[in-house]
C-alpha atoms as a PDB file:
ATOM      1  CA  GLY A   1      -0.478  -0.141  -0.106  1.00  0.00           C
ATOM      2  CA  GLY A   2       1.169   3.759  -0.229  1.00  0.00           C
ATOM      3  CA  ALA A   3       0.752   6.630   2.552  1.00  0.00           C
ATOM      4  CA  ALA A   4      -0.240   9.507   0.042  1.00  0.00           C
ATOM      5  CA  GLY A   5      -3.639   9.042  -1.153  1.00  0.00           C
ATOM      6  CA  SER A   6      -2.973   9.955  -4.382  1.00  0.00           C
ATOM      7  CA  MET A   7      -0.954   6.140  -4.234  1.00  0.00           C
ATOM      8  CA  PRO A   8      -2.738   3.076  -5.206  1.00  0.00           C
ATOM      9  CA  ASN A   9      -2.556  -0.067  -3.366  1.00  0.00           C
ATOM     10  CA  ILE A  10      -2.318  -3.298  -5.161  1.00  0.00           C
ATOM     11  CA  SER A  11      -1.837  -6.584  -3.066  1.00  0.00           C
ATOM     12  CA  LYS A  12       1.022  -8.792  -2.231  1.00  0.00           C
ATOM     13  CA  ASP A  13      -1.030 -11.453  -3.808  1.00  0.00           C
ATOM     14  CA  LYS A  14      -1.669  -9.478  -6.715  1.00  0.00           C
ATOM     15  CA  LEU A  15       1.959  -8.575  -6.583  1.00  0.00           C
ATOM     16  CA  ARG A  16       3.399 -12.149  -7.309  1.00  0.00           C
ATOM     17  CA  ASN A  17       1.175 -13.226  -9.879  1.00  0.00           C
ATOM     18  CA  VAL A  18       1.926 -10.279 -12.284  1.00  0.00           C
ATOM     19  CA  GLU A  19       3.631 -11.871 -15.588  1.00  0.00           C
ATOM     20  CA  LEU A  20       6.654  -9.207 -16.767  1.00  0.00           C
ATOM     21  CA  ASN A  21       7.879  -9.925 -20.211  1.00  0.00           C
ATOM     22  CA  LEU A  22      12.068  -9.617 -19.796  1.00  0.00           C
ATOM     23  CA  PRO A  23      13.872  -9.928 -22.741  1.00  0.00           C
ATOM     24  CA  PRO A  24      15.981 -13.102 -24.816  1.00  0.00           C
ATOM     25  CA  LEU A  25      19.085 -12.866 -21.073  1.00  0.00           C
ATOM     26  CA  SER A  26      21.569 -12.427 -24.791  1.00  0.00           C
ATOM     27  CA  LEU A  27      19.815  -8.695 -25.536  1.00  0.00           C
ATOM     28  CA  GLN A  28      19.741  -7.963 -21.819  1.00  0.00           C
ATOM     29  CA  ARG A  29      24.188  -9.011 -22.280  1.00  0.00           C
ATOM     30  CA  ARG A  30      24.258  -6.946 -25.121  1.00  0.00           C
ATOM     31  CA  PHE A  31      22.429  -3.186 -23.986  1.00  0.00           C
ATOM     32  CA  ALA A  32      24.677  -4.159 -20.736  1.00  0.00           C
ATOM     33  CA  SER A  33      27.899  -4.215 -22.735  1.00  0.00           C
ATOM     34  CA  ILE A  34      26.850  -0.835 -25.090  1.00  0.00           C
ATOM     35  CA  VAL A  35      26.111   0.887 -21.497  1.00  0.00           C
ATOM     36  CA  GLU A  36      29.498   0.366 -20.327  1.00  0.00           C
ATOM     37  CA  ALA A  37      30.641   1.004 -23.569  1.00  0.00           C
ATOM     38  CA  ALA A  38      28.856   4.196 -22.679  1.00  0.00           C
ATOM     39  CA  GLU A  39      30.849   4.984 -19.648  1.00  0.00           C
ATOM     40  CA  ARG A  40      33.650   4.229 -20.733  1.00  0.00           C
ATOM     41  CA  GLN A  41      33.329   6.913 -23.374  1.00  0.00           C
ATOM     42  CA  LYS A  42      32.126   9.251 -20.989  1.00  0.00           C
ATOM     43  CA  ALA A  43      34.829   9.363 -18.719  1.00  0.00           C
ATOM     44  CA  ARG A  44      36.794   9.404 -21.222  1.00  0.00           C
ATOM     45  CA  LEU A  45      35.568  13.048 -22.689  1.00  0.00           C
ATOM     46  CA  ARG A  46      35.579  13.730 -19.073  1.00  0.00           C
ATOM     47  CA  ALA A  47      38.572  13.526 -18.799  1.00  0.00           C
ATOM     48  CA  HIS A  48      39.595  15.208 -21.762  1.00  0.00           C
ATOM     49  CA  LEU A  49      37.527  18.152 -20.665  1.00  0.00           C
ATOM     50  CA  ASP A  50      39.433  18.262 -17.457  1.00  0.00           C
ATOM     51  CA  GLU A  51      42.533  18.435 -19.526  1.00  0.00           C
ATOM     52  CA  LEU A  52      41.246  21.808 -21.636  1.00  0.00           C
ATOM     53  CA  ASP A  53      40.493  23.582 -18.722  1.00  0.00           C
ATOM     54  CA  ALA A  54      43.150  23.493 -17.222  1.00  0.00           C
ATOM     55  CA  LEU A  55      45.342  24.963 -20.807  1.00  0.00           C
ATOM     56  CA  PHE A  56      42.579  27.755 -20.804  1.00  0.00           C
ATOM     57  CA  SER A  57      43.392  27.828 -17.892  1.00  0.00           C
ATOM     58  CA  SER A  58      47.150  28.822 -18.511  1.00  0.00           C
ATOM     59  CA  LEU A  59      46.022  30.001 -21.628  1.00  0.00           C
ATOM     60  CA  GLN A  60      43.916  33.246 -19.668  1.00  0.00           C
ATOM     61  CA  SER A  61      47.048  33.417 -17.051  1.00  0.00           C
ATOM     62  CA  ARG A  62      49.448  34.429 -18.902  1.00  0.00           C
ATOM     63  CA  ALA A  63      47.083  36.552 -21.327  1.00  0.00           C
ATOM     64  CA  PHE A  64      46.743  37.817 -17.482  1.00  0.00           C
ATOM     65  CA  ASN A  65      50.300  38.900 -16.890  1.00  0.00           C
ATOM     66  CA  GLY A  66      51.222  40.236 -19.637  1.00  0.00           C
ATOM     67  CA  ASP A  67      53.127  36.688 -20.980  1.00  0.00           C
ATOM     68  CA  LEU A  68      51.740  36.401 -24.288  1.00  0.00           C
END
């Protein structure tokens, strides 16, 4: 049951009898590998962005100090 009035209640028996369609395990694994690859790419891009931020900071500092 739900605590809020807008939350409908469902009994445990009804919940146990709900049928779920799951994709085949091979498709689940393929999806997981795609997600992992995307996460690795995001990490690489974040690292590159950090490098670019550091380079821009250095360039900005040199420009304001008259070193350029």
